Amino acid sequence: MIQIVLSTLLSVIVPLSIPVIAGFLLGKFMKLETKPLSTLYLYFLSPAMILDTLLKAQLSWHDVAQTAAFSILNLLLLWGIAQLAGKIFRLSTPETAGLTLISTLTNSANYGLPLILLAFGQLGLDKASVYVVIQIIMVNTIGVYFAARSEFSVQSAVKSVFSLPAIYAALLAMGLRLLDWHLPSGIQSGVSMIAAAYSPVVLAILGTQMAYVKIFKLESSIKKASYTGLTIRLLLSPLAACLAMLILGISGLLFSVLFILASMPVAVNAVILAEKFNASPKLVSTCILWSTLASFLILPILIMLVAG
């Protein structure tokens, strides 16, 4: 079992590392600016990714209901933990917003999907796709709200959520599925082509952010916040996921898939939102780096626990 898990991780890490390394090199030697790429992600790539995924996913409405309930309950648990930690450690408003992004947003699409496919097969991937679609929507709605609250009023934060096209892409996809309509083949091909650019671009942005991370020069408050964020994401989030699924009565393969996806490292998208809305991007990028590295050791153990 250990050999299977290690082989799975190796086959995932190698292809995913290529755009990350490219982004790191561009940031290190070409001083690549990520702000324009963040705008490209939020207003162009993400809506196409949501539309394409929702239209193609093989959906089971029972799994959709359970997965949606889990996503909401797990989000509330992690949000509560982050808010409590922010008050206990007296973090600033931007740091608390960053801690909330770290706690609630996981790298389930770029890292989680290929891992689930190789660990649990096609059936596991079908179940994972529902969770990932919900997470993509959450990143572009609730995630933006969490990030924007550090800079705007609640009213402005809510307005910023609905100014993004991602939510409308999701509504369009759900409407097409309910009516059993399909996009014209040419348009569908174009949307799929844009969606295919999603992963490499956001991973390149992650690599660029890693190039700017100065771990040993972080302010003391950000260091304290980063240790708190890593503890929540790596240790408390798997426990919160178990509690949520116990409450909802989720079991079997769906339990295994949701548990692994909820235990993934911090989402690449989190630093994009943190940078755009000034939610302590240095804190978020630091936790993305270390939670991703730590996941290479932690995820094999978690996979063995749920697959054994």
C-alpha atoms as a PDB file:
ATOM      1  CA  MET A   1       0.000   0.000   0.000  1.00  0.00           C
ATOM      2  CA  ILE A   2       2.816   2.395   0.855  1.00  0.00           C
ATOM      3  CA  GLN A   3       4.442   1.748  -2.527  1.00  0.00           C
ATOM      4  CA  ILE A   4       1.146   2.442  -4.314  1.00  0.00           C
ATOM      5  CA  VAL A   5       0.689   5.729  -2.473  1.00  0.00           C
ATOM      6  CA  LEU A   6       4.251   6.851  -3.126  1.00  0.00           C
ATOM      7  CA  SER A   7       3.917   5.948  -6.804  1.00  0.00           C
ATOM      8  CA  THR A   8       0.660   7.874  -6.996  1.00  0.00           C
ATOM      9  CA  LEU A   9       2.169  10.968  -5.445  1.00  0.00           C
ATOM     10  CA  LEU A  10       5.174  10.790  -7.728  1.00  0.00           C
ATOM     11  CA  SER A  11       3.011  10.586 -10.842  1.00  0.00           C
ATOM     12  CA  VAL A  12       1.044  13.625  -9.656  1.00  0.00           C
ATOM     13  CA  ILE A  13       3.902  15.765  -8.371  1.00  0.00           C
ATOM     14  CA  VAL A  14       6.131  15.562 -11.449  1.00  0.00           C
ATOM     15  CA  PRO A  15       3.645  16.992 -13.999  1.00  0.00           C
ATOM     16  CA  LEU A  16       2.275  19.559 -11.561  1.00  0.00           C
ATOM     17  CA  SER A  17       5.768  20.747 -10.653  1.00  0.00           C
ATOM     18  CA  ILE A  18       6.578  21.898 -14.201  1.00  0.00           C
ATOM     19  CA  PRO A  19       4.377  25.042 -14.292  1.00  0.00           C
ATOM     20  CA  VAL A  20       5.249  25.772 -10.638  1.00  0.00           C
ATOM     21  CA  ILE A  21       8.972  25.688 -11.424  1.00  0.00           C
ATOM     22  CA  ALA A  22       8.401  27.806 -14.554  1.00  0.00           C
ATOM     23  CA  GLY A  23       6.504  30.389 -12.506  1.00  0.00           C
ATOM     24  CA  PHE A  24       9.205  30.365  -9.831  1.00  0.00           C
ATOM     25  CA  LEU A  25      11.924  31.008 -12.422  1.00  0.00           C
ATOM     26  CA  LEU A  26       9.902  33.799 -14.056  1.00  0.00           C
ATOM     27  CA  GLY A  27       9.384  35.429 -10.686  1.00  0.00           C
ATOM     28  CA  LYS A  28      13.004  34.998  -9.626  1.00  0.00           C
ATOM     29  CA  PHE A  29      14.747  36.153 -12.793  1.00  0.00           C
ATOM     30  CA  MET A  30      12.117  38.103 -14.779  1.00  0.00           C
ATOM     31  CA  LYS A  31      10.312  39.703 -11.804  1.00  0.00           C
ATOM     32  CA  LEU A  32       6.938  38.588 -13.195  1.00  0.00           C
ATOM     33  CA  GLU A  33       4.007  40.588 -11.833  1.00  0.00           C
ATOM     34  CA  THR A  34       1.083  38.404 -10.721  1.00  0.00           C
ATOM     35  CA  LYS A  35      -1.593  41.107 -10.434  1.00  0.00           C
ATOM     36  CA  PRO A  36      -2.520  41.011 -14.163  1.00  0.00           C
ATOM     37  CA  LEU A  37      -2.520  37.198 -14.037  1.00  0.00           C
ATOM     38  CA  SER A  38      -4.825  37.341 -11.024  1.00  0.00           C
ATOM     39  CA  THR A  39      -7.294  39.409 -13.034  1.00  0.00           C
ATOM     40  CA  LEU A  40      -7.006  36.944 -15.931  1.00  0.00           C
ATOM     41  CA  TYR A  41      -7.780  34.092 -13.544  1.00  0.00           C
ATOM     42  CA  LEU A  42     -10.764  35.713 -11.837  1.00  0.00           C
ATOM     43  CA  TYR A  43     -12.489  37.123 -14.909  1.00  0.00           C
ATOM     44  CA  PHE A  44     -11.531  34.715 -17.714  1.00  0.00           C
ATOM     45  CA  LEU A  45     -10.140  31.323 -16.720  1.00  0.00           C
ATOM     46  CA  SER A  46     -12.292  30.593 -13.676  1.00  0.00           C
ATOM     47  CA  PRO A  47     -15.696  31.129 -15.367  1.00  0.00           C
ATOM     48  CA  ALA A  48     -14.648  28.884 -18.259  1.00  0.00           C
ATOM     49  CA  MET A  49     -13.427  26.231 -15.801  1.00  0.00           C
ATOM     50  CA  ILE A  50     -16.720  26.281 -13.886  1.00  0.00           C
ATOM     51  CA  LEU A  51     -18.863  26.157 -17.021  1.00  0.00           C
ATOM     52  CA  ASP A  52     -16.841  23.357 -18.623  1.00  0.00           C
ATOM     53  CA  THR A  53     -16.692  21.217 -15.465  1.00  0.00           C
ATOM     54  CA  LEU A  54     -20.377  21.550 -14.605  1.00  0.00           C
ATOM     55  CA  LEU A  55     -21.468  20.687 -18.130  1.00  0.00           C
ATOM     56  CA  LYS A  56     -19.306  17.551 -18.349  1.00  0.00           C
ATOM     57  CA  ALA A  57     -19.498  16.102 -14.819  1.00  0.00           C
ATOM     58  CA  GLN A  58     -21.386  12.825 -14.308  1.00  0.00           C
ATOM     59  CA  LEU A  59     -23.649  13.929 -11.477  1.00  0.00           C
ATOM     60  CA  SER A  60     -25.460  11.761  -8.908  1.00  0.00           C
ATOM     61  CA  TRP A  61     -28.012  13.938  -7.155  1.00  0.00           C
ATOM     62  CA  HIS A  62     -27.695  11.970  -3.894  1.00  0.00           C
ATOM     63  CA  ASP A  63     -23.939  12.518  -3.884  1.00  0.00           C
ATOM     64  CA  VAL A  64     -24.449  16.150  -4.878  1.00  0.00           C
ATOM     65  CA  ALA A  65     -26.739  16.734  -1.887  1.00  0.00           C
ATOM     66  CA  GLN A  66     -24.382  15.046   0.567  1.00  0.00           C
ATOM     67  CA  THR A  67     -21.327  16.735  -0.899  1.00  0.00           C
ATOM     68  CA  ALA A  68     -22.972  20.171  -0.841  1.00  0.00           C
ATOM     69  CA  ALA A  69     -24.061  19.679   2.772  1.00  0.00           C
ATOM     70  CA  PHE A  70     -20.555  18.578   3.730  1.00  0.00           C
ATOM     71  CA  SER A  71     -18.954  21.525   1.924  1.00  0.00           C
ATOM     72  CA  ILE A  72     -21.141  24.017   3.766  1.00  0.00           C
ATOM     73  CA  LEU A  73     -20.806  22.412   7.211  1.00  0.00           C
ATOM     74  CA  ASN A  74     -17.046  21.910   6.851  1.00  0.00           C
ATOM     75  CA  LEU A  75     -16.657  25.513   5.684  1.00  0.00           C
ATOM     76  CA  LEU A  76     -18.560  26.785   8.726  1.00  0.00           C
ATOM     77  CA  LEU A  77     -16.451  24.686  11.102  1.00  0.00           C
ATOM     78  CA  LEU A  78     -13.169  25.900   9.596  1.00  0.00           C
ATOM     79  CA  TRP A  79     -14.384  29.495   9.405  1.00  0.00           C
ATOM     80  CA  GLY A  80     -15.272  29.330  13.102  1.00  0.00           C
ATOM     81  CA  ILE A  81     -11.852  27.893  13.966  1.00  0.00           C
ATOM     82  CA  ALA A  82     -10.088  30.620  11.964  1.00  0.00           C
ATOM     83  CA  GLN A  83     -12.128  33.420  13.534  1.00  0.00           C
ATOM     84  CA  LEU A  84     -11.509  32.044  17.030  1.00  0.00           C
ATOM     85  CA  ALA A  85      -7.772  31.722  16.348  1.00  0.00           C
ATOM     86  CA  GLY A  86      -7.667  35.283  15.006  1.00  0.00           C
ATOM     87  CA  LYS A  87      -9.162  36.594  18.236  1.00  0.00           C
ATOM     88  CA  ILE A  88      -7.019  34.416  20.518  1.00  0.00           C
ATOM     89  CA  PHE A  89      -3.771  35.496  18.832  1.00  0.00           C
ATOM     90  CA  ARG A  90      -4.967  39.072  18.261  1.00  0.00           C
ATOM     91  CA  LEU A  91      -4.319  39.066  14.536  1.00  0.00           C
ATOM     92  CA  SER A  92      -5.013  42.121  12.399  1.00  0.00           C
ATOM     93  CA  THR A  93      -8.032  42.238  10.099  1.00  0.00           C
ATOM     94  CA  PRO A  94      -6.009  41.418   6.931  1.00  0.00           C
ATOM     95  CA  GLU A  95      -4.203  38.576   8.757  1.00  0.00           C
ATOM     96  CA  THR A  96      -7.489  37.135  10.016  1.00  0.00           C
ATOM     97  CA  ALA A  97      -8.870  37.318   6.467  1.00  0.00           C
ATOM     98  CA  GLY A  98      -5.752  35.540   5.189  1.00  0.00           C
ATOM     99  CA  LEU A  99      -6.049  32.919   7.940  1.00  0.00           C
ATOM    100  CA  THR A 100      -9.656  32.308   6.914  1.00  0.00           C
ATOM    101  CA  LEU A 101      -8.591  31.721   3.295  1.00  0.00           C
ATOM    102  CA  ILE A 102      -5.846  29.342   4.468  1.00  0.00           C
ATOM    103  CA  SER A 103      -8.267  27.407   6.644  1.00  0.00           C
ATOM    104  CA  THR A 104     -11.192  27.115   4.229  1.00  0.00           C
ATOM    105  CA  LEU A 105      -9.767  26.902   0.681  1.00  0.00           C
ATOM    106  CA  THR A 106      -7.994  23.708  -0.403  1.00  0.00           C
ATOM    107  CA  ASN A 107      -6.052  22.824  -3.545  1.00  0.00           C
ATOM    108  CA  SER A 108      -8.620  20.224  -4.574  1.00  0.00           C
ATOM    109  CA  ALA A 109      -8.739  20.916  -8.313  1.00  0.00           C
ATOM    110  CA  ASN A 110      -5.101  21.159  -9.426  1.00  0.00           C
ATOM    111  CA  TYR A 111      -3.624  18.700  -6.927  1.00  0.00           C
ATOM    112  CA  GLY A 112      -6.618  16.788  -5.565  1.00  0.00           C
ATOM    113  CA  LEU A 113      -8.288  15.493  -8.744  1.00  0.00           C
ATOM    114  CA  PRO A 114      -5.305  13.614 -10.218  1.00  0.00           C
ATOM    115  CA  LEU A 115      -4.480  12.260  -6.760  1.00  0.00           C
ATOM    116  CA  ILE A 116      -8.038  10.957  -6.292  1.00  0.00           C
ATOM    117  CA  LEU A 117      -8.057   9.379  -9.762  1.00  0.00           C
ATOM    118  CA  LEU A 118      -4.909   7.407  -9.112  1.00  0.00           C
ATOM    119  CA  ALA A 119      -5.778   6.498  -5.513  1.00  0.00           C
ATOM    120  CA  PHE A 120      -9.485   5.634  -5.896  1.00  0.00           C
ATOM    121  CA  GLY A 121     -10.063   5.193  -9.644  1.00  0.00           C
ATOM    122  CA  GLN A 122     -12.681   6.634 -11.979  1.00  0.00           C
ATOM    123  CA  LEU A 123     -15.557   6.184  -9.518  1.00  0.00           C
ATOM    124  CA  GLY A 124     -13.651   8.209  -6.959  1.00  0.00           C
ATOM    125  CA  LEU A 125     -12.973  10.885  -9.568  1.00  0.00           C
ATOM    126  CA  ASP A 126     -16.677  11.133 -10.432  1.00  0.00           C
ATOM    127  CA  LYS A 127     -17.508  11.771  -6.777  1.00  0.00           C
ATOM    128  CA  ALA A 128     -14.592  14.196  -6.419  1.00  0.00           C
ATOM    129  CA  SER A 129     -15.724  16.276  -9.394  1.00  0.00           C
ATOM    130  CA  VAL A 130     -18.882  17.346  -7.551  1.00  0.00           C
ATOM    131  CA  TYR A 131     -16.861  18.575  -4.561  1.00  0.00           C
ATOM    132  CA  VAL A 132     -14.367  20.368  -6.802  1.00  0.00           C
ATOM    133  CA  VAL A 133     -17.115  22.182  -8.689  1.00  0.00           C
ATOM    134  CA  ILE A 134     -18.611  23.344  -5.378  1.00  0.00           C
ATOM    135  CA  GLN A 135     -15.155  24.450  -4.212  1.00  0.00           C
ATOM    136  CA  ILE A 136     -14.562  26.413  -7.422  1.00  0.00           C
ATOM    137  CA  ILE A 137     -17.861  28.205  -6.884  1.00  0.00           C
ATOM    138  CA  MET A 138     -17.031  28.814  -3.208  1.00  0.00           C
ATOM    139  CA  VAL A 139     -13.609  30.238  -4.069  1.00  0.00           C
ATOM    140  CA  ASN A 140     -15.192  32.746  -6.425  1.00  0.00           C
ATOM    141  CA  THR A 141     -18.054  33.671  -4.096  1.00  0.00           C
ATOM    142  CA  ILE A 142     -17.500  32.985  -0.399  1.00  0.00           C
ATOM    143  CA  GLY A 143     -13.709  33.054  -0.825  1.00  0.00           C
ATOM    144  CA  VAL A 144     -13.866  36.487  -2.426  1.00  0.00           C
ATOM    145  CA  TYR A 145     -16.171  37.632   0.371  1.00  0.00           C
ATOM    146  CA  PHE A 146     -13.701  36.429   3.032  1.00  0.00           C
ATOM    147  CA  ALA A 147     -10.827  38.219   1.278  1.00  0.00           C
ATOM    148  CA  ALA A 148     -12.693  41.406   0.421  1.00  0.00           C
ATOM    149  CA  ARG A 149     -13.922  41.971   3.972  1.00  0.00           C
ATOM    150  CA  SER A 150     -10.363  42.922   4.965  1.00  0.00           C
ATOM    151  CA  GLU A 151     -10.551  45.954   2.671  1.00  0.00           C
ATOM    152  CA  PHE A 152     -14.199  46.824   2.084  1.00  0.00           C
ATOM    153  CA  SER A 153     -17.405  47.054   4.075  1.00  0.00           C
ATOM    154  CA  VAL A 154     -19.743  44.053   4.150  1.00  0.00           C
ATOM    155  CA  GLN A 155     -21.905  45.717   1.502  1.00  0.00           C
ATOM    156  CA  SER A 156     -18.893  46.293  -0.771  1.00  0.00           C
ATOM    157  CA  ALA A 157     -17.662  42.743  -0.188  1.00  0.00           C
ATOM    158  CA  VAL A 158     -21.032  41.263  -1.194  1.00  0.00           C
ATOM    159  CA  LYS A 159     -21.092  43.522  -4.245  1.00  0.00           C
ATOM    160  CA  SER A 160     -17.598  42.353  -5.241  1.00  0.00           C
ATOM    161  CA  VAL A 161     -18.793  38.735  -5.144  1.00  0.00           C
ATOM    162  CA  PHE A 162     -21.570  39.332  -7.646  1.00  0.00           C
ATOM    163  CA  SER A 163     -19.388  41.445  -9.912  1.00  0.00           C
ATOM    164  CA  LEU A 164     -17.445  38.299 -10.873  1.00  0.00           C
ATOM    165  CA  PRO A 165     -18.601  36.295 -13.911  1.00  0.00           C
ATOM    166  CA  ALA A 166     -17.881  32.927 -12.247  1.00  0.00           C
ATOM    167  CA  ILE A 167     -21.208  32.846 -10.393  1.00  0.00           C
ATOM    168  CA  TYR A 168     -23.086  33.544 -13.607  1.00  0.00           C
ATOM    169  CA  ALA A 169     -21.143  30.808 -15.408  1.00  0.00           C
ATOM    170  CA  ALA A 170     -22.290  28.352 -12.735  1.00  0.00           C
ATOM    171  CA  LEU A 171     -25.911  29.474 -13.079  1.00  0.00           C
ATOM    172  CA  LEU A 172     -25.704  29.122 -16.867  1.00  0.00           C
ATOM    173  CA  ALA A 173     -24.295  25.600 -16.608  1.00  0.00           C
ATOM    174  CA  MET A 174     -26.960  24.490 -14.130  1.00  0.00           C
ATOM    175  CA  GLY A 175     -29.689  25.973 -16.332  1.00  0.00           C
ATOM    176  CA  LEU A 176     -28.396  24.158 -19.409  1.00  0.00           C
ATOM    177  CA  ARG A 177     -28.267  20.853 -17.521  1.00  0.00           C
ATOM    178  CA  LEU A 178     -31.801  21.242 -16.143  1.00  0.00           C
ATOM    179  CA  LEU A 179     -33.149  21.993 -19.625  1.00  0.00           C
ATOM    180  CA  ASP A 180     -30.997  19.249 -21.172  1.00  0.00           C
ATOM    181  CA  TRP A 181     -29.550  21.739 -23.623  1.00  0.00           C
ATOM    182  CA  HIS A 182     -26.010  21.736 -24.988  1.00  0.00           C
ATOM    183  CA  LEU A 183     -23.687  24.456 -26.153  1.00  0.00           C
ATOM    184  CA  PRO A 184     -22.922  24.475 -29.888  1.00  0.00           C
ATOM    185  CA  SER A 185     -19.858  22.294 -30.530  1.00  0.00           C
ATOM    186  CA  GLY A 186     -17.689  25.231 -31.571  1.00  0.00           C
ATOM    187  CA  ILE A 187     -18.484  27.215 -28.421  1.00  0.00           C
ATOM    188  CA  GLN A 188     -18.039  24.139 -26.226  1.00  0.00           C
ATOM    189  CA  SER A 189     -14.617  23.513 -27.770  1.00  0.00           C
ATOM    190  CA  GLY A 190     -13.625  27.112 -27.135  1.00  0.00           C
ATOM    191  CA  VAL A 191     -14.755  26.974 -23.504  1.00  0.00           C
ATOM    192  CA  SER A 192     -12.886  23.688 -23.002  1.00  0.00           C
ATOM    193  CA  MET A 193      -9.740  25.188 -24.505  1.00  0.00           C
ATOM    194  CA  ILE A 194      -9.864  28.119 -22.076  1.00  0.00           C
ATOM    195  CA  ALA A 195     -10.604  25.794 -19.153  1.00  0.00           C
ATOM    196  CA  ALA A 196      -7.570  23.690 -20.044  1.00  0.00           C
ATOM    197  CA  ALA A 197      -5.369  26.740 -19.372  1.00  0.00           C
ATOM    198  CA  TYR A 198      -6.688  27.077 -15.815  1.00  0.00           C
ATOM    199  CA  SER A 199      -4.358  24.673 -14.002  1.00  0.00           C
ATOM    200  CA  PRO A 200      -1.012  25.665 -15.578  1.00  0.00           C
ATOM    201  CA  VAL A 201      -1.697  29.382 -15.149  1.00  0.00           C
ATOM    202  CA  VAL A 202      -2.702  29.206 -11.476  1.00  0.00           C
ATOM    203  CA  LEU A 203       0.207  26.850 -10.748  1.00  0.00           C
ATOM    204  CA  ALA A 204       2.593  29.275 -12.471  1.00  0.00           C
ATOM    205  CA  ILE A 205       1.183  32.056 -10.278  1.00  0.00           C
ATOM    206  CA  LEU A 206       1.886  29.847  -7.247  1.00  0.00           C
ATOM    207  CA  GLY A 207       5.476  29.361  -8.398  1.00  0.00           C
ATOM    208  CA  THR A 208       5.907  33.094  -8.858  1.00  0.00           C
ATOM    209  CA  GLN A 209       4.566  33.723  -5.356  1.00  0.00           C
ATOM    210  CA  MET A 210       7.011  31.158  -3.976  1.00  0.00           C
ATOM    211  CA  ALA A 211       9.847  33.141  -5.535  1.00  0.00           C
ATOM    212  CA  TYR A 212       8.821  36.159  -3.448  1.00  0.00           C
ATOM    213  CA  VAL A 213       8.348  34.309  -0.150  1.00  0.00           C
ATOM    214  CA  LYS A 214      11.007  35.202   2.429  1.00  0.00           C
ATOM    215  CA  ILE A 215      10.379  32.736   5.218  1.00  0.00           C
ATOM    216  CA  PHE A 216      13.072  33.981   7.597  1.00  0.00           C
ATOM    217  CA  LYS A 217      12.254  37.662   7.100  1.00  0.00           C
ATOM    218  CA  LEU A 218       8.581  37.533   7.990  1.00  0.00           C
ATOM    219  CA  GLU A 219       7.283  39.922  10.611  1.00  0.00           C
ATOM    220  CA  SER A 220       6.642  38.283  13.979  1.00  0.00           C
ATOM    221  CA  SER A 221       2.879  38.702  13.664  1.00  0.00           C
ATOM    222  CA  ILE A 222       2.867  37.018  10.240  1.00  0.00           C
ATOM    223  CA  LYS A 223       5.071  34.195  11.546  1.00  0.00           C
ATOM    224  CA  LYS A 224       2.603  33.606  14.373  1.00  0.00           C
ATOM    225  CA  ALA A 225      -0.292  33.683  11.922  1.00  0.00           C
ATOM    226  CA  SER A 226       1.486  31.285   9.524  1.00  0.00           C
ATOM    227  CA  TYR A 227       2.110  28.722  12.290  1.00  0.00           C
ATOM    228  CA  THR A 228      -1.568  28.991  13.231  1.00  0.00           C
ATOM    229  CA  GLY A 229      -2.663  28.583   9.611  1.00  0.00           C
ATOM    230  CA  LEU A 230      -0.487  25.517   9.052  1.00  0.00           C
ATOM    231  CA  THR A 231      -1.799  23.917  12.240  1.00  0.00           C
ATOM    232  CA  ILE A 232      -5.391  24.432  11.138  1.00  0.00           C
ATOM    233  CA  ARG A 233      -4.850  23.273   7.553  1.00  0.00           C
ATOM    234  CA  LEU A 234      -2.636  20.243   8.249  1.00  0.00           C
ATOM    235  CA  LEU A 235      -3.941  18.993  11.604  1.00  0.00           C
ATOM    236  CA  LEU A 236      -7.358  20.425  12.431  1.00  0.00           C
ATOM    237  CA  SER A 237      -8.947  20.338   8.966  1.00  0.00           C
ATOM    238  CA  PRO A 238      -8.899  16.498   8.719  1.00  0.00           C
ATOM    239  CA  LEU A 239     -10.547  16.343  12.162  1.00  0.00           C
ATOM    240  CA  ALA A 240     -13.149  18.923  11.144  1.00  0.00           C
ATOM    241  CA  ALA A 241     -13.885  16.924   7.969  1.00  0.00           C
ATOM    242  CA  CYS A 242     -14.409  13.741  10.003  1.00  0.00           C
ATOM    243  CA  LEU A 243     -16.724  15.547  12.403  1.00  0.00           C
ATOM    244  CA  ALA A 244     -18.779  17.029   9.550  1.00  0.00           C
ATOM    245  CA  MET A 245     -19.191  13.655   7.810  1.00  0.00           C
ATOM    246  CA  LEU A 246     -20.044  11.946  11.098  1.00  0.00           C
ATOM    247  CA  ILE A 247     -22.820  14.486  11.645  1.00  0.00           C
ATOM    248  CA  LEU A 248     -24.111  14.013   8.087  1.00  0.00           C
ATOM    249  CA  GLY A 249     -23.790  10.211   8.090  1.00  0.00           C
ATOM    250  CA  ILE A 250     -21.462  10.058   5.061  1.00  0.00           C
ATOM    251  CA  SER A 251     -19.636   6.760   4.617  1.00  0.00           C
ATOM    252  CA  GLY A 252     -17.954   4.498   2.065  1.00  0.00           C
ATOM    253  CA  LEU A 253     -16.047   5.783  -0.930  1.00  0.00           C
ATOM    254  CA  LEU A 254     -17.617   9.236  -0.687  1.00  0.00           C
ATOM    255  CA  PHE A 255     -16.229   9.540   2.859  1.00  0.00           C
ATOM    256  CA  SER A 256     -12.719   8.616   1.652  1.00  0.00           C
ATOM    257  CA  VAL A 257     -12.804  11.010  -1.288  1.00  0.00           C
ATOM    258  CA  LEU A 258     -14.164  13.979   0.679  1.00  0.00           C
ATOM    259  CA  PHE A 259     -11.764  13.345   3.552  1.00  0.00           C
ATOM    260  CA  ILE A 260      -8.696  13.476   1.281  1.00  0.00           C
ATOM    261  CA  LEU A 261      -9.932  16.490  -0.665  1.00  0.00           C
ATOM    262  CA  ALA A 262     -10.726  18.381   2.553  1.00  0.00           C
ATOM    263  CA  SER A 263      -7.212  17.600   3.838  1.00  0.00           C
ATOM    264  CA  MET A 264      -5.388  19.015   0.798  1.00  0.00           C
ATOM    265  CA  PRO A 265      -2.904  21.885   1.175  1.00  0.00           C
ATOM    266  CA  VAL A 266      -3.908  25.536   0.900  1.00  0.00           C
ATOM    267  CA  ALA A 267      -5.485  26.426  -2.450  1.00  0.00           C
ATOM    268  CA  VAL A 268      -3.423  28.220  -5.062  1.00  0.00           C
ATOM    269  CA  ASN A 269      -6.435  30.480  -5.555  1.00  0.00           C
ATOM    270  CA  ALA A 270      -6.156  31.724  -1.991  1.00  0.00           C
ATOM    271  CA  VAL A 271      -3.064  33.800  -2.725  1.00  0.00           C
ATOM    272  CA  ILE A 272      -4.719  35.242  -5.834  1.00  0.00           C
ATOM    273  CA  LEU A 273      -7.635  36.450  -3.732  1.00  0.00           C
ATOM    274  CA  ALA A 274      -5.327  37.590  -0.925  1.00  0.00           C
ATOM    275  CA  GLU A 275      -3.246  39.630  -3.355  1.00  0.00           C
ATOM    276  CA  LYS A 276      -6.233  41.172  -5.097  1.00  0.00           C
ATOM    277  CA  PHE A 277      -8.017  42.153  -1.884  1.00  0.00           C
ATOM    278  CA  ASN A 278      -5.027  42.821   0.427  1.00  0.00           C
ATOM    279  CA  ALA A 279      -5.737  39.867   2.737  1.00  0.00           C
ATOM    280  CA  SER A 280      -2.116  39.385   3.885  1.00  0.00           C
ATOM    281  CA  PRO A 281      -0.799  37.720   0.671  1.00  0.00           C
ATOM    282  CA  LYS A 282       2.617  37.125   2.266  1.00  0.00           C
ATOM    283  CA  LEU A 283       0.993  35.029   4.983  1.00  0.00           C
ATOM    284  CA  VAL A 284      -1.117  33.085   2.494  1.00  0.00           C
ATOM    285  CA  SER A 285       1.749  32.381   0.062  1.00  0.00           C
ATOM    286  CA  THR A 286       3.957  31.180   2.940  1.00  0.00           C
ATOM    287  CA  CYS A 287       1.296  28.713   4.072  1.00  0.00           C
ATOM    288  CA  ILE A 288       0.716  27.521   0.498  1.00  0.00           C
ATOM    289  CA  LEU A 289       4.428  26.702   0.184  1.00  0.00           C
ATOM    290  CA  TRP A 290       4.813  24.832   3.474  1.00  0.00           C
ATOM    291  CA  SER A 291       1.429  23.095   3.470  1.00  0.00           C
ATOM    292  CA  THR A 292       2.127  21.796  -0.049  1.00  0.00           C
ATOM    293  CA  LEU A 293       5.550  20.463   0.948  1.00  0.00           C
ATOM    294  CA  ALA A 294       4.163  18.917   4.142  1.00  0.00           C
ATOM    295  CA  SER A 295       1.310  17.292   2.227  1.00  0.00           C
ATOM    296  CA  PHE A 296       3.765  15.001   0.436  1.00  0.00           C
ATOM    297  CA  LEU A 297       4.344  13.309   3.795  1.00  0.00           C
ATOM    298  CA  ILE A 298       0.906  13.665   5.363  1.00  0.00           C
ATOM    299  CA  LEU A 299      -1.355  12.654   2.464  1.00  0.00           C
ATOM    300  CA  PRO A 300       0.120   9.137   2.042  1.00  0.00           C
ATOM    301  CA  ILE A 301      -0.681   8.439   5.704  1.00  0.00           C
ATOM    302  CA  LEU A 302      -4.233   9.756   5.332  1.00  0.00           C
ATOM    303  CA  ILE A 303      -4.798   7.725   2.164  1.00  0.00           C
ATOM    304  CA  MET A 304      -3.671   4.565   3.928  1.00  0.00           C
ATOM    305  CA  LEU A 305      -6.047   5.311   6.821  1.00  0.00           C
ATOM    306  CA  VAL A 306      -9.139   5.667   4.639  1.00  0.00           C
ATOM    307  CA  ALA A 307      -8.213   3.049   2.012  1.00  0.00           C
ATOM    308  CA  GLY A 308      -7.129   0.387   4.492  1.00  0.00           C
END
